[in-house]
């Protein structure tokens, strides 16, 4: 997730040096499958721990912030499209 966060941050147009780092590999289109895999894995862990609220809370505390950062970096237009295509992203969007 840290690598994805770094790649996602390179899209921030307010940072001057990012003008020179524009790359198709850091576009939302390229990063979305990886973000979706992280979301799916996170929700898989949460669902596996159903009935164990202390573990669900621990997973949320340990991974939730990083995962939320990744998903929230997408702009509104991309987020709407992602919700239509991905069950995991739709679930995240409903919980945020």
Protein backbone atom coordinates (compact mmCIF):
# COMPACT_ATOMS: atom_id res chain seq x y z
CA UNK A 1 0.00 0.00 0.00
CA UNK A 2 2.88 2.37 0.70
CA UNK A 3 4.14 1.97 -2.87
CA UNK A 4 0.67 2.69 -4.20
CA UNK A 5 0.43 5.77 -1.98
CA UNK A 6 3.72 7.05 -3.38
CA UNK A 7 2.62 6.45 -6.96
CA UNK A 8 -0.73 8.12 -6.27
CA UNK A 9 0.97 11.15 -4.68
CA UNK A 10 2.95 11.73 -7.87
CA UNK A 11 -0.33 12.85 -9.47
CA UNK A 12 -0.73 15.83 -7.14
CA UNK A 13 -0.52 18.86 -9.48
CA UNK A 14 0.16 21.28 -6.62
CA UNK A 15 3.67 19.87 -6.24
CA UNK A 16 5.89 21.52 -8.82
CA UNK A 17 8.11 18.52 -9.60
CA UNK A 18 5.10 16.34 -10.38
CA UNK A 19 4.73 18.17 -13.67
CA UNK A 20 7.77 16.23 -14.87
CA UNK A 21 6.70 12.92 -13.33
CA UNK A 22 3.47 12.51 -15.28
CA UNK A 23 3.26 8.93 -16.41
CA UNK A 24 0.60 6.53 -17.60
CA UNK A 25 1.76 4.12 -14.87
CA UNK A 26 0.54 6.54 -12.19
CA UNK A 27 -2.81 7.32 -13.77
CA UNK A 28 -5.99 6.39 -11.94
CA UNK A 29 -6.76 3.96 -14.76
CA UNK A 30 -3.50 2.09 -14.12
CA UNK A 31 -3.61 2.23 -10.33
CA UNK A 32 -7.26 1.29 -9.87
CA UNK A 33 -6.81 -2.50 -10.28
CA UNK A 34 -4.15 -2.48 -7.56
CA UNK A 35 -6.27 -0.30 -5.27
CA UNK A 36 -9.23 -2.60 -5.88
CA UNK A 37 -7.10 -5.64 -4.91
CA UNK A 38 -6.15 -3.94 -1.64
CA UNK A 39 -9.79 -3.08 -0.92
CA UNK A 40 -10.90 -6.63 -1.72
CA UNK A 41 -8.22 -8.12 0.53
CA UNK A 42 -9.10 -5.71 3.36
CA UNK A 43 -12.79 -6.51 3.21
CA UNK A 44 -11.96 -10.22 2.95
CA UNK A 45 -10.06 -9.97 6.22
CA UNK A 46 -12.87 -8.00 7.83
CA UNK A 47 -15.46 -10.55 6.69
CA UNK A 48 -13.30 -13.48 7.85
CA UNK A 49 -13.20 -11.95 11.33
CA UNK A 50 -16.96 -11.63 11.59
CA UNK A 51 -17.90 -12.68 15.08
CA UNK A 52 -14.56 -11.41 16.46
CA UNK A 53 -15.08 -7.65 16.87
CA UNK A 54 -11.72 -7.15 18.58
CA UNK A 55 -9.91 -8.47 15.48
CA UNK A 56 -12.09 -6.43 13.14
CA UNK A 57 -11.24 -3.31 15.13
CA UNK A 58 -7.53 -4.17 15.05
CA UNK A 59 -7.61 -4.66 11.27
CA UNK A 60 -9.44 -1.37 10.88
CA UNK A 61 -6.95 0.46 13.09
CA UNK A 62 -3.87 -1.05 11.44
CA UNK A 63 -4.89 -1.01 7.78
CA UNK A 64 -7.93 1.21 7.53
CA UNK A 65 -6.08 4.53 7.49
CA UNK A 66 -3.71 3.57 4.70
CA UNK A 67 -6.46 2.00 2.66
CA UNK A 68 -8.70 5.02 3.16
CA UNK A 69 -5.87 7.31 2.03
CA UNK A 70 -5.49 5.33 -1.19
CA UNK A 71 -9.16 5.31 -2.02
CA UNK A 72 -9.72 8.96 -1.10
CA UNK A 73 -6.95 10.14 -3.44
CA UNK A 74 -9.12 9.39 -6.44
CA UNK A 75 -10.95 12.40 -7.80
CA UNK A 76 -14.75 12.53 -7.73
CA UNK A 77 -15.21 11.62 -11.39
CA UNK A 78 -12.99 8.54 -11.06
CA UNK A 79 -14.65 7.59 -7.78
CA UNK A 80 -18.14 7.55 -9.32
CA UNK A 81 -16.93 5.30 -12.12
CA UNK A 82 -15.10 3.06 -9.66
CA UNK A 83 -18.24 2.60 -7.57
CA UNK A 84 -20.10 1.41 -10.66
CA UNK A 85 -17.39 -1.12 -11.61
CA UNK A 86 -16.22 -2.44 -8.25
CA UNK A 87 -18.19 -4.03 -5.43
CA UNK A 88 -15.30 -3.47 -3.00
CA UNK A 89 -14.97 0.21 -3.90
CA UNK A 90 -18.73 0.69 -3.64
CA UNK A 91 -18.62 -0.84 -0.16
CA UNK A 92 -15.79 1.51 0.83
CA UNK A 93 -17.67 4.50 -0.54
CA UNK A 94 -20.78 3.58 1.43
CA UNK A 95 -18.77 3.20 4.68
CA UNK A 96 -16.70 6.38 4.47
